[in-house]
Amino acid sequence: TPVSAVFSGVMLNVALFGIMRYLSVTDLALGNDGQAQSILLIFGFISIFIAVIFIPLQHDIKRLLAYCSVEHMGIIAIGLGLGGLGTFAALFHITNHSLSKVIAFFSAGHISEIYGTRDMRRIKAASSSIPVWGSVFFISMLILIGVAPFAIFLSELLIVKNAFFDHRYIVTALFLIAVFAIFISLLKHTLGTSFGINNSKITENIKVGILDKAIVISVISVLLILGIWIPGPFKELLNNASLIIQNGVRL
């Protein structure tokens, strides 16, 4: 579980950093005609629609989170492809996705260990059987599917706003359709796992350490705050980073 959280929250972003670092260079080499951004948009939508197809078919709880990462990498690519406010939103989304995936994998790992399986068809009523980890998993999934007022909702809203006011209505429509389809699929999986009928009784006394509680509460609090208010210094950092990506300023 720690390895999965690090891979999803950190390693995927390292790969994206390489793309972002050379985005302006590639665009310049192609004549500044927006081809690089168009390629990002295409691959972003490919990623999202792969998630649309495969997320409903998943039964493994960790594999579900992996396909969720495919979706969010696509969302980030679309933001970068749109440019402007979309680049800012993509960077903001990277932060939000990384934090939310930490608690998602953290709780999913505990749940699968306690139930003795990663098959969601055999994991039911987790929120009542193991209240802490079941509730954390439920909240983390709500964050990942973009429920307000958490930060992922805001970063996705900024991407939609940028596409719509840039008169890219097809991009806006496809984005909303894909995200809504994934929203429904993930919510169905989450409700079944968290509130379904539990056929296996959990008799083990589950103890949650203070450090575990502190990590979970801190991450959820940060994601809630960022969904309502972006602190000035962090906003400036994201603005500067987006300018570097778009204008090719040397690091």
C-alpha atoms as a PDB file:
ATOM      1  CA  THR A   1       0.000   0.000   0.000  1.00  0.00           C
ATOM      2  CA  PRO A   2       2.721   2.578   0.761  1.00  0.00           C
ATOM      3  CA  VAL A   3       4.378   1.686  -2.555  1.00  0.00           C
ATOM      4  CA  SER A   4       1.065   2.073  -4.400  1.00  0.00           C
ATOM      5  CA  ALA A   5       0.459   5.446  -2.756  1.00  0.00           C
ATOM      6  CA  VAL A   6       3.950   6.684  -3.638  1.00  0.00           C
ATOM      7  CA  PHE A   7       3.682   5.433  -7.214  1.00  0.00           C
ATOM      8  CA  SER A   8       0.281   7.029  -7.767  1.00  0.00           C
ATOM      9  CA  GLY A   9       0.936  10.215  -5.825  1.00  0.00           C
ATOM     10  CA  VAL A  10       4.545  10.889  -6.810  1.00  0.00           C
ATOM     11  CA  MET A  11       5.906   8.755  -9.655  1.00  0.00           C
ATOM     12  CA  LEU A  12       3.076   9.575 -12.070  1.00  0.00           C
ATOM     13  CA  ASN A  13       3.747  13.257 -11.466  1.00  0.00           C
ATOM     14  CA  VAL A  14       7.439  12.773 -12.231  1.00  0.00           C
ATOM     15  CA  ALA A  15       6.481  11.412 -15.648  1.00  0.00           C
ATOM     16  CA  LEU A  16       4.164  14.371 -16.170  1.00  0.00           C
ATOM     17  CA  PHE A  17       6.929  16.775 -15.177  1.00  0.00           C
ATOM     18  CA  GLY A  18       9.032  15.549 -18.096  1.00  0.00           C
ATOM     19  CA  ILE A  19       6.148  16.275 -20.464  1.00  0.00           C
ATOM     20  CA  MET A  20       5.500  19.692 -18.950  1.00  0.00           C
ATOM     21  CA  ARG A  21       9.169  20.665 -18.962  1.00  0.00           C
ATOM     22  CA  TYR A  22       9.485  20.160 -22.705  1.00  0.00           C
ATOM     23  CA  LEU A  23       6.009  21.261 -23.729  1.00  0.00           C
ATOM     24  CA  SER A  24       7.067  24.769 -24.732  1.00  0.00           C
ATOM     25  CA  VAL A  25      10.217  23.439 -26.444  1.00  0.00           C
ATOM     26  CA  THR A  26       8.155  20.989 -28.486  1.00  0.00           C
ATOM     27  CA  ASP A  27       5.645  23.677 -29.373  1.00  0.00           C
ATOM     28  CA  LEU A  28       8.464  25.969 -30.529  1.00  0.00           C
ATOM     29  CA  ALA A  29       9.987  23.188 -32.638  1.00  0.00           C
ATOM     30  CA  LEU A  30       6.612  22.607 -34.290  1.00  0.00           C
ATOM     31  CA  GLY A  31       6.247  26.297 -35.157  1.00  0.00           C
ATOM     32  CA  ASN A  32       4.122  27.558 -32.262  1.00  0.00           C
ATOM     33  CA  ASP A  33       0.940  26.426 -33.997  1.00  0.00           C
ATOM     34  CA  GLY A  34      -0.514  24.603 -30.991  1.00  0.00           C
ATOM     35  CA  GLN A  35       0.213  21.074 -32.233  1.00  0.00           C
ATOM     36  CA  ALA A  36       1.808  20.052 -28.946  1.00  0.00           C
ATOM     37  CA  GLN A  37      -1.266  21.201 -27.013  1.00  0.00           C
ATOM     38  CA  SER A  38      -3.553  19.400 -29.465  1.00  0.00           C
ATOM     39  CA  ILE A  39      -1.589  16.173 -28.973  1.00  0.00           C
ATOM     40  CA  LEU A  40      -1.971  16.523 -25.204  1.00  0.00           C
ATOM     41  CA  LEU A  41      -5.711  17.042 -25.595  1.00  0.00           C
ATOM     42  CA  ILE A  42      -6.021  13.924 -27.750  1.00  0.00           C
ATOM     43  CA  PHE A  43      -4.054  11.705 -25.383  1.00  0.00           C
ATOM     44  CA  GLY A  44      -5.836  13.248 -22.409  1.00  0.00           C
ATOM     45  CA  PHE A  45      -9.203  12.219 -23.810  1.00  0.00           C
ATOM     46  CA  ILE A  46      -7.865   8.775 -24.732  1.00  0.00           C
ATOM     47  CA  SER A  47      -6.842   8.295 -21.083  1.00  0.00           C
ATOM     48  CA  ILE A  48     -10.187   9.480 -19.759  1.00  0.00           C
ATOM     49  CA  PHE A  49     -12.239   7.308 -22.104  1.00  0.00           C
ATOM     50  CA  ILE A  50     -10.076   4.272 -21.285  1.00  0.00           C
ATOM     51  CA  ALA A  51     -11.084   4.904 -17.672  1.00  0.00           C
ATOM     52  CA  VAL A  52     -14.736   5.296 -18.734  1.00  0.00           C
ATOM     53  CA  ILE A  53     -14.619   1.830 -20.327  1.00  0.00           C
ATOM     54  CA  PHE A  54     -12.646  -0.104 -17.724  1.00  0.00           C
ATOM     55  CA  ILE A  55     -13.665   1.405 -14.364  1.00  0.00           C
ATOM     56  CA  PRO A  56     -17.167  -0.175 -14.420  1.00  0.00           C
ATOM     57  CA  LEU A  57     -15.583  -3.607 -15.043  1.00  0.00           C
ATOM     58  CA  GLN A  58     -13.242  -3.586 -12.054  1.00  0.00           C
ATOM     59  CA  HIS A  59     -13.609  -5.726  -8.938  1.00  0.00           C
ATOM     60  CA  ASP A  60     -10.098  -5.350  -7.465  1.00  0.00           C
ATOM     61  CA  ILE A  61     -10.102  -2.323  -5.156  1.00  0.00           C
ATOM     62  CA  LYS A  62      -6.506  -1.324  -5.934  1.00  0.00           C
ATOM     63  CA  ARG A  63      -6.928  -1.834  -9.663  1.00  0.00           C
ATOM     64  CA  LEU A  64      -9.958   0.445  -9.447  1.00  0.00           C
ATOM     65  CA  LEU A  65      -7.754   3.149  -7.948  1.00  0.00           C
ATOM     66  CA  ALA A  66      -5.175   2.542 -10.683  1.00  0.00           C
ATOM     67  CA  TYR A  67      -7.742   3.208 -13.417  1.00  0.00           C
ATOM     68  CA  CYS A  68      -8.829   6.235 -11.425  1.00  0.00           C
ATOM     69  CA  SER A  69      -5.239   7.475 -11.807  1.00  0.00           C
ATOM     70  CA  VAL A  70      -5.526   6.947 -15.570  1.00  0.00           C
ATOM     71  CA  GLU A  71      -8.550   9.244 -15.530  1.00  0.00           C
ATOM     72  CA  HIS A  72      -6.830  11.952 -13.529  1.00  0.00           C
ATOM     73  CA  MET A  73      -3.691  11.874 -15.675  1.00  0.00           C
ATOM     74  CA  GLY A  74      -6.004  12.453 -18.623  1.00  0.00           C
ATOM     75  CA  ILE A  75      -7.629  15.393 -16.854  1.00  0.00           C
ATOM     76  CA  ILE A  76      -4.217  16.930 -16.200  1.00  0.00           C
ATOM     77  CA  ALA A  77      -3.178  16.411 -19.833  1.00  0.00           C
ATOM     78  CA  ILE A  78      -6.358  18.143 -21.009  1.00  0.00           C
ATOM     79  CA  GLY A  79      -5.675  21.090 -18.714  1.00  0.00           C
ATOM     80  CA  LEU A  80      -2.146  21.406 -20.087  1.00  0.00           C
ATOM     81  CA  GLY A  81      -3.468  21.092 -23.627  1.00  0.00           C
ATOM     82  CA  LEU A  82      -5.896  23.952 -23.092  1.00  0.00           C
ATOM     83  CA  GLY A  83      -3.185  26.285 -21.794  1.00  0.00           C
ATOM     84  CA  GLY A  84      -3.777  29.509 -19.885  1.00  0.00           C
ATOM     85  CA  LEU A  85      -6.001  28.909 -16.878  1.00  0.00           C
ATOM     86  CA  GLY A  86      -6.026  25.237 -17.856  1.00  0.00           C
ATOM     87  CA  THR A  87      -2.304  24.971 -17.102  1.00  0.00           C
ATOM     88  CA  PHE A  88      -2.876  26.507 -13.670  1.00  0.00           C
ATOM     89  CA  ALA A  89      -5.761  24.085 -13.094  1.00  0.00           C
ATOM     90  CA  ALA A  90      -3.635  21.123 -14.224  1.00  0.00           C
ATOM     91  CA  LEU A  91      -0.906  21.964 -11.718  1.00  0.00           C
ATOM     92  CA  PHE A  92      -3.513  22.457  -9.009  1.00  0.00           C
ATOM     93  CA  HIS A  93      -5.058  19.114  -9.952  1.00  0.00           C
ATOM     94  CA  ILE A  94      -1.692  17.373  -9.628  1.00  0.00           C
ATOM     95  CA  THR A  95      -1.512  18.508  -6.007  1.00  0.00           C
ATOM     96  CA  ASN A  96      -5.101  17.530  -5.267  1.00  0.00           C
ATOM     97  CA  HIS A  97      -4.843  14.118  -6.919  1.00  0.00           C
ATOM     98  CA  SER A  98      -1.599  13.280  -5.122  1.00  0.00           C
ATOM     99  CA  LEU A  99      -3.037  14.074  -1.701  1.00  0.00           C
ATOM    100  CA  SER A 100      -6.341  12.295  -2.262  1.00  0.00           C
ATOM    101  CA  LYS A 101      -4.678   9.165  -3.645  1.00  0.00           C
ATOM    102  CA  VAL A 102      -2.548   8.860  -0.507  1.00  0.00           C
ATOM    103  CA  ILE A 103      -5.583   8.436   1.753  1.00  0.00           C
ATOM    104  CA  ALA A 104      -7.431   6.353  -0.856  1.00  0.00           C
ATOM    105  CA  PHE A 105      -4.653   3.751  -1.079  1.00  0.00           C
ATOM    106  CA  PHE A 106      -4.031   4.041   2.655  1.00  0.00           C
ATOM    107  CA  SER A 107      -7.639   3.164   3.513  1.00  0.00           C
ATOM    108  CA  ALA A 108      -8.028   0.607   0.692  1.00  0.00           C
ATOM    109  CA  GLY A 109      -4.937  -1.228   1.941  1.00  0.00           C
ATOM    110  CA  HIS A 110      -6.298  -1.454   5.478  1.00  0.00           C
ATOM    111  CA  ILE A 111      -9.719  -2.561   4.247  1.00  0.00           C
ATOM    112  CA  SER A 112      -8.344  -5.305   1.983  1.00  0.00           C
ATOM    113  CA  GLU A 113      -6.043  -6.512   4.763  1.00  0.00           C
ATOM    114  CA  ILE A 114      -8.867  -6.706   7.304  1.00  0.00           C
ATOM    115  CA  TYR A 115     -11.292  -8.410   4.907  1.00  0.00           C
ATOM    116  CA  GLY A 116      -8.556 -10.675   3.557  1.00  0.00           C
ATOM    117  CA  THR A 117      -9.354  -9.836  -0.061  1.00  0.00           C
ATOM    118  CA  ARG A 118      -9.138  -7.033  -2.624  1.00  0.00           C
ATOM    119  CA  ASP A 119     -12.286  -8.222  -4.401  1.00  0.00           C
ATOM    120  CA  MET A 120     -14.925  -5.526  -3.886  1.00  0.00           C
ATOM    121  CA  ARG A 121     -17.675  -8.117  -4.391  1.00  0.00           C
ATOM    122  CA  ARG A 122     -16.584  -9.576  -1.046  1.00  0.00           C
ATOM    123  CA  ILE A 123     -16.022  -6.224   0.670  1.00  0.00           C
ATOM    124  CA  LYS A 124     -19.356  -4.847   1.846  1.00  0.00           C
ATOM    125  CA  ALA A 125     -20.532  -2.455   4.577  1.00  0.00           C
ATOM    126  CA  ALA A 126     -16.978  -1.336   5.319  1.00  0.00           C
ATOM    127  CA  SER A 127     -18.200   1.901   6.894  1.00  0.00           C
ATOM    128  CA  SER A 128     -20.080  -0.040   9.585  1.00  0.00           C
ATOM    129  CA  SER A 129     -17.731  -3.031   9.940  1.00  0.00           C
ATOM    130  CA  ILE A 130     -14.582  -0.902  10.218  1.00  0.00           C
ATOM    131  CA  PRO A 131     -15.924   2.639  10.742  1.00  0.00           C
ATOM    132  CA  VAL A 132     -12.650   4.564  10.547  1.00  0.00           C
ATOM    133  CA  TRP A 133     -11.121   3.037   7.412  1.00  0.00           C
ATOM    134  CA  GLY A 134     -14.490   2.485   5.764  1.00  0.00           C
ATOM    135  CA  SER A 135     -15.392   6.143   6.256  1.00  0.00           C
ATOM    136  CA  VAL A 136     -11.972   7.342   5.113  1.00  0.00           C
ATOM    137  CA  PHE A 137     -12.238   5.264   1.945  1.00  0.00           C
ATOM    138  CA  PHE A 138     -15.728   6.622   1.271  1.00  0.00           C
ATOM    139  CA  ILE A 139     -14.594  10.231   1.761  1.00  0.00           C
ATOM    140  CA  SER A 140     -11.451   9.736  -0.341  1.00  0.00           C
ATOM    141  CA  MET A 141     -13.525   8.347  -3.205  1.00  0.00           C
ATOM    142  CA  LEU A 142     -15.947  11.269  -2.980  1.00  0.00           C
ATOM    143  CA  ILE A 143     -12.945  13.576  -3.262  1.00  0.00           C
ATOM    144  CA  LEU A 144     -11.569  11.660  -6.263  1.00  0.00           C
ATOM    145  CA  ILE A 145     -14.855  11.777  -8.178  1.00  0.00           C
ATOM    146  CA  GLY A 146     -14.971  15.533  -7.743  1.00  0.00           C
ATOM    147  CA  VAL A 147     -17.606  16.160  -5.100  1.00  0.00           C
ATOM    148  CA  ALA A 148     -17.782  19.758  -3.850  1.00  0.00           C
ATOM    149  CA  PRO A 149     -16.413  21.472  -1.839  1.00  0.00           C
ATOM    150  CA  PHE A 150     -13.180  19.479  -2.045  1.00  0.00           C
ATOM    151  CA  ALA A 151     -10.218  20.667  -4.104  1.00  0.00           C
ATOM    152  CA  ILE A 152     -10.543  18.257  -7.048  1.00  0.00           C
ATOM    153  CA  PHE A 153     -13.971  19.725  -7.783  1.00  0.00           C
ATOM    154  CA  LEU A 154     -12.408  23.182  -8.013  1.00  0.00           C
ATOM    155  CA  SER A 155      -9.534  22.146 -10.295  1.00  0.00           C
ATOM    156  CA  GLU A 156     -11.917  20.306 -12.632  1.00  0.00           C
ATOM    157  CA  LEU A 157     -14.259  23.304 -12.602  1.00  0.00           C
ATOM    158  CA  LEU A 158     -11.379  25.578 -13.630  1.00  0.00           C
ATOM    159  CA  ILE A 159     -10.596  23.290 -16.583  1.00  0.00           C
ATOM    160  CA  VAL A 160     -14.245  23.357 -17.696  1.00  0.00           C
ATOM    161  CA  LYS A 161     -14.350  27.140 -17.254  1.00  0.00           C
ATOM    162  CA  ASN A 162     -11.225  27.590 -19.372  1.00  0.00           C
ATOM    163  CA  ALA A 163     -12.512  25.346 -22.161  1.00  0.00           C
ATOM    164  CA  PHE A 164     -15.974  26.932 -22.208  1.00  0.00           C
ATOM    165  CA  PHE A 165     -14.867  30.570 -22.201  1.00  0.00           C
ATOM    166  CA  ASP A 166     -12.236  29.729 -24.824  1.00  0.00           C
ATOM    167  CA  HIS A 167     -15.183  28.641 -27.032  1.00  0.00           C
ATOM    168  CA  ARG A 168     -13.988  25.038 -27.149  1.00  0.00           C
ATOM    169  CA  TYR A 169     -17.441  23.623 -26.716  1.00  0.00           C
ATOM    170  CA  ILE A 170     -16.701  20.133 -28.049  1.00  0.00           C
ATOM    171  CA  VAL A 171     -13.848  19.768 -25.555  1.00  0.00           C
ATOM    172  CA  THR A 172     -16.144  21.016 -22.790  1.00  0.00           C
ATOM    173  CA  ALA A 173     -18.933  18.601 -23.714  1.00  0.00           C
ATOM    174  CA  LEU A 174     -16.661  15.557 -24.064  1.00  0.00           C
ATOM    175  CA  PHE A 175     -14.947  16.371 -20.774  1.00  0.00           C
ATOM    176  CA  LEU A 176     -18.235  16.710 -18.881  1.00  0.00           C
ATOM    177  CA  ILE A 177     -19.689  13.521 -20.397  1.00  0.00           C
ATOM    178  CA  ALA A 178     -16.589  11.462 -19.573  1.00  0.00           C
ATOM    179  CA  VAL A 179     -16.200  12.827 -16.048  1.00  0.00           C
ATOM    180  CA  PHE A 180     -19.906  12.289 -15.328  1.00  0.00           C
ATOM    181  CA  ALA A 181     -19.740   8.684 -16.590  1.00  0.00           C
ATOM    182  CA  ILE A 182     -16.755   7.978 -14.341  1.00  0.00           C
ATOM    183  CA  PHE A 183     -18.514   9.749 -11.461  1.00  0.00           C
ATOM    184  CA  ILE A 184     -21.454   7.325 -11.735  1.00  0.00           C
ATOM    185  CA  SER A 185     -19.246   4.223 -12.043  1.00  0.00           C
ATOM    186  CA  LEU A 186     -16.971   5.096  -9.128  1.00  0.00           C
ATOM    187  CA  LEU A 187     -19.900   6.122  -6.954  1.00  0.00           C
ATOM    188  CA  LYS A 188     -21.573   2.762  -7.612  1.00  0.00           C
ATOM    189  CA  HIS A 189     -18.404   0.875  -6.617  1.00  0.00           C
ATOM    190  CA  THR A 190     -17.944   3.076  -3.547  1.00  0.00           C
ATOM    191  CA  LEU A 191     -21.513   2.735  -2.286  1.00  0.00           C
ATOM    192  CA  GLY A 192     -21.403  -1.035  -2.726  1.00  0.00           C
ATOM    193  CA  THR A 193     -18.164  -1.322  -0.796  1.00  0.00           C
ATOM    194  CA  SER A 194     -19.074   1.132   1.951  1.00  0.00           C
ATOM    195  CA  PHE A 195     -22.777   0.445   2.505  1.00  0.00           C
ATOM    196  CA  GLY A 196     -23.592  -2.913   0.915  1.00  0.00           C
ATOM    197  CA  ILE A 197     -24.870  -5.941   2.822  1.00  0.00           C
ATOM    198  CA  ASN A 198     -21.973  -7.570   4.651  1.00  0.00           C
ATOM    199  CA  ASN A 199     -22.034 -11.370   4.601  1.00  0.00           C
ATOM    200  CA  SER A 200     -18.718 -11.766   6.451  1.00  0.00           C
ATOM    201  CA  LYS A 201     -18.602 -10.642  10.046  1.00  0.00           C
ATOM    202  CA  ILE A 202     -15.501  -8.745  11.102  1.00  0.00           C
ATOM    203  CA  THR A 203     -14.693  -9.859  14.633  1.00  0.00           C
ATOM    204  CA  GLU A 204     -11.199  -8.421  14.843  1.00  0.00           C
ATOM    205  CA  ASN A 205     -10.768  -5.439  17.161  1.00  0.00           C
ATOM    206  CA  ILE A 206      -9.486  -2.731  14.829  1.00  0.00           C
ATOM    207  CA  LYS A 207      -7.179  -0.199  16.435  1.00  0.00           C
ATOM    208  CA  VAL A 208      -6.227   2.977  14.606  1.00  0.00           C
ATOM    209  CA  GLY A 209      -2.987   4.652  15.645  1.00  0.00           C
ATOM    210  CA  ILE A 210      -2.686   8.340  16.446  1.00  0.00           C
ATOM    211  CA  LEU A 211      -0.281   8.858  13.537  1.00  0.00           C
ATOM    212  CA  ASP A 212      -2.743   7.245  11.107  1.00  0.00           C
ATOM    213  CA  LYS A 213      -5.515   9.503  12.354  1.00  0.00           C
ATOM    214  CA  ALA A 214      -3.293  12.574  12.116  1.00  0.00           C
ATOM    215  CA  ILE A 215      -2.314  11.802   8.508  1.00  0.00           C
ATOM    216  CA  VAL A 216      -5.885  11.203   7.398  1.00  0.00           C
ATOM    217  CA  ILE A 217      -7.357  14.237   9.164  1.00  0.00           C
ATOM    218  CA  SER A 218      -4.561  16.496   7.892  1.00  0.00           C
ATOM    219  CA  VAL A 219      -4.922  15.422   4.255  1.00  0.00           C
ATOM    220  CA  ILE A 220      -8.727  15.680   4.240  1.00  0.00           C
ATOM    221  CA  SER A 221      -8.544  19.093   5.929  1.00  0.00           C
ATOM    222  CA  VAL A 222      -6.043  20.395   3.363  1.00  0.00           C
ATOM    223  CA  LEU A 223      -8.192  19.165   0.463  1.00  0.00           C
ATOM    224  CA  LEU A 224     -11.264  20.790   2.006  1.00  0.00           C
ATOM    225  CA  ILE A 225      -9.495  24.108   2.573  1.00  0.00           C
ATOM    226  CA  LEU A 226      -8.024  24.149  -0.950  1.00  0.00           C
ATOM    227  CA  GLY A 227     -11.491  23.528  -2.341  1.00  0.00           C
ATOM    228  CA  ILE A 228     -12.769  26.669  -0.642  1.00  0.00           C
ATOM    229  CA  TRP A 229      -9.735  28.944  -0.609  1.00  0.00           C
ATOM    230  CA  ILE A 230      -6.326  28.810  -2.300  1.00  0.00           C
ATOM    231  CA  PRO A 231      -3.722  30.583  -0.119  1.00  0.00           C
ATOM    232  CA  GLY A 232      -1.955  33.504  -1.795  1.00  0.00           C
ATOM    233  CA  PRO A 233       1.608  32.088  -1.704  1.00  0.00           C
ATOM    234  CA  PHE A 234       0.459  28.728  -3.099  1.00  0.00           C
ATOM    235  CA  LYS A 235      -1.585  30.459  -5.799  1.00  0.00           C
ATOM    236  CA  GLU A 236       1.439  32.555  -6.762  1.00  0.00           C
ATOM    237  CA  LEU A 237       3.582  29.410  -6.894  1.00  0.00           C
ATOM    238  CA  LEU A 238       1.112  27.753  -9.259  1.00  0.00           C
ATOM    239  CA  ASN A 239       0.917  30.909 -11.393  1.00  0.00           C
ATOM    240  CA  ASN A 240       4.698  31.099 -11.716  1.00  0.00           C
ATOM    241  CA  ALA A 241       4.942  27.400 -12.538  1.00  0.00           C
ATOM    242  CA  SER A 242       2.259  27.708 -15.217  1.00  0.00           C
ATOM    243  CA  LEU A 243       4.149  30.628 -16.785  1.00  0.00           C
ATOM    244  CA  ILE A 244       7.325  28.529 -16.859  1.00  0.00           C
ATOM    245  CA  ILE A 245       5.488  25.701 -18.608  1.00  0.00           C
ATOM    246  CA  GLN A 246       3.810  27.949 -21.170  1.00  0.00           C
ATOM    247  CA  ASN A 247       6.689  30.326 -21.881  1.00  0.00           C
ATOM    248  CA  GLY A 248       9.660  27.987 -21.549  1.00  0.00           C
ATOM    249  CA  VAL A 249      11.495  29.953 -18.865  1.00  0.00           C
ATOM    250  CA  ARG A 250      14.685  28.156 -17.834  1.00  0.00           C
ATOM    251  CA  LEU A 251      14.547  26.472 -14.459  1.00  0.00           C
END
